[in-house]
Every structure is written in C-alpha cells, then in structure tokens.
C-alpha cells in the first residue's frame, strides 16, 4: 500500500509502561490490519512519557491529557486520521 500510515507509541520504560504500549499496539494492529503500514514502540527514559503519533502528528499525550487513552478513544483517533469513513462497530457507539 503506497503511503501507508505509520503509528508510533512512545512510552516511559522507567515507569514500566511497555506492556500497556504493547497491548495498545496489538489492538491497533488488529483493528487496522489493512490500513497501518508500520507501528513502532519507542521506549523513552525521560520519565512519564506516553505519546501516540500518526505520521508524525501527535494524537495523544499523557502529559497534555493527564491520563492514558481508553482503547476505544485511541482507536477512534487513529481511525479519524487513517480511515475516516471506516466504521469501528461497537467502538463508535456511546
């Protein structure tokens, strides 16, 4: 697929957020198997970092939002950038 979107999840390795980042990556790769070109997990050692980018654009920052994203809202944010017309089924409701 030409110009396939890239997703990057940067997480604090000092905080032990690798499992959370890995789980979210797996969820995104499963949901967007046809759309995502690559997904990168990037450990960070500056403390407290949890960010998600699509094609370099920040779509989530734990520091800015003050919390981790729910997987439902993360899928919606990614979908809105890479496949806006796609339905997420039950994840779109509520």
Protein backbone atom coordinates (compact mmCIF):
# COMPACT_ATOMS: atom_id res chain seq x y z
CA UNK A 1 0.00 0.00 0.00
CA UNK A 2 1.52 3.32 -1.07
CA UNK A 3 1.97 5.94 1.63
CA UNK A 4 0.81 3.59 4.36
CA UNK A 5 0.40 5.41 7.65
CA UNK A 6 2.90 4.92 10.42
CA UNK A 7 1.94 4.85 14.08
CA UNK A 8 4.42 5.40 16.90
CA UNK A 9 3.78 4.82 20.58
CA UNK A 10 6.43 6.36 22.81
CA UNK A 11 6.32 5.15 26.40
CA UNK A 12 8.30 5.58 29.60
CA UNK A 13 10.35 2.46 30.17
CA UNK A 14 11.26 3.67 33.67
CA UNK A 15 7.56 3.73 34.59
CA UNK A 16 7.04 0.18 33.29
CA UNK A 17 4.53 1.19 30.62
CA UNK A 18 5.90 -1.20 28.00
CA UNK A 19 3.13 -3.76 28.49
CA UNK A 20 0.44 -1.09 28.13
CA UNK A 21 2.11 0.23 24.98
CA UNK A 22 2.42 -3.30 23.59
CA UNK A 23 -1.22 -4.08 24.29
CA UNK A 24 -2.39 -0.86 22.64
CA UNK A 25 -0.14 -1.57 19.66
CA UNK A 26 -1.63 -5.05 19.29
CA UNK A 27 -5.17 -3.63 19.46
CA UNK A 28 -4.39 -1.03 16.79
CA UNK A 29 -2.67 -3.56 14.52
CA UNK A 30 -5.61 -5.94 14.83
CA UNK A 31 -8.21 -3.26 14.19
CA UNK A 32 -6.33 -1.55 11.35
CA UNK A 33 -4.59 -4.56 9.78
CA UNK A 34 -5.28 -3.28 6.26
CA UNK A 35 -4.51 0.40 6.91
CA UNK A 36 -1.41 0.66 9.13
CA UNK A 37 1.87 0.42 7.26
CA UNK A 38 4.01 0.17 10.38
CA UNK A 39 3.75 0.57 14.11
CA UNK A 40 6.75 1.40 16.28
CA UNK A 41 7.14 1.13 20.04
CA UNK A 42 9.71 3.64 21.26
CA UNK A 43 10.98 3.38 24.84
CA UNK A 44 11.78 6.69 26.50
CA UNK A 45 13.83 7.34 29.63
CA UNK A 46 12.83 10.93 30.44
CA UNK A 47 10.01 9.90 32.79
CA UNK A 48 6.24 9.87 32.47
CA UNK A 49 6.06 9.90 28.68
CA UNK A 50 3.19 8.19 26.85
CA UNK A 51 2.52 9.60 23.40
CA UNK A 52 0.89 8.34 20.24
CA UNK A 53 1.67 9.76 16.80
CA UNK A 54 0.27 9.03 13.37
CA UNK A 55 2.59 10.03 10.53
CA UNK A 56 4.48 12.23 12.98
CA UNK A 57 1.38 14.09 14.20
CA UNK A 58 0.75 13.81 17.93
CA UNK A 59 -2.74 12.47 18.56
CA UNK A 60 -2.33 11.65 22.27
CA UNK A 61 -0.07 12.88 25.04
CA UNK A 62 -0.49 11.62 28.58
CA UNK A 63 1.11 14.84 29.80
CA UNK A 64 -1.40 17.03 27.93
CA UNK A 65 -4.49 14.92 28.66
CA UNK A 66 -3.46 13.96 32.19
CA UNK A 67 -4.30 10.29 31.65
CA UNK A 68 -3.90 7.31 29.38
CA UNK A 69 -6.33 6.95 26.49
CA UNK A 70 -9.11 4.40 26.64
CA UNK A 71 -8.53 1.93 23.83
CA UNK A 72 -11.89 2.92 22.33
CA UNK A 73 -10.93 6.59 22.05
CA UNK A 74 -7.45 5.74 20.78
CA UNK A 75 -8.94 3.62 18.00
CA UNK A 76 -11.29 6.47 17.10
CA UNK A 77 -8.41 8.98 16.98
CA UNK A 78 -6.31 6.69 14.78
CA UNK A 79 -9.30 5.89 12.55
CA UNK A 80 -10.07 9.60 12.11
CA UNK A 81 -6.58 10.07 10.64
CA UNK A 82 -6.08 6.94 8.57
CA UNK A 83 -9.57 5.73 7.56
CA UNK A 84 -12.17 8.41 8.41
CA UNK A 85 -15.06 6.71 6.62
CA UNK A 86 -14.50 3.38 8.34
CA UNK A 87 -16.92 2.17 11.00
CA UNK A 88 -15.49 0.77 14.21
CA UNK A 89 -18.72 -1.03 15.05
CA UNK A 90 -19.38 -1.10 18.79
CA UNK A 91 -16.39 1.19 19.42
CA UNK A 92 -18.25 4.02 17.66
CA UNK A 93 -21.22 3.84 19.95
CA UNK A 94 -21.51 5.81 23.17
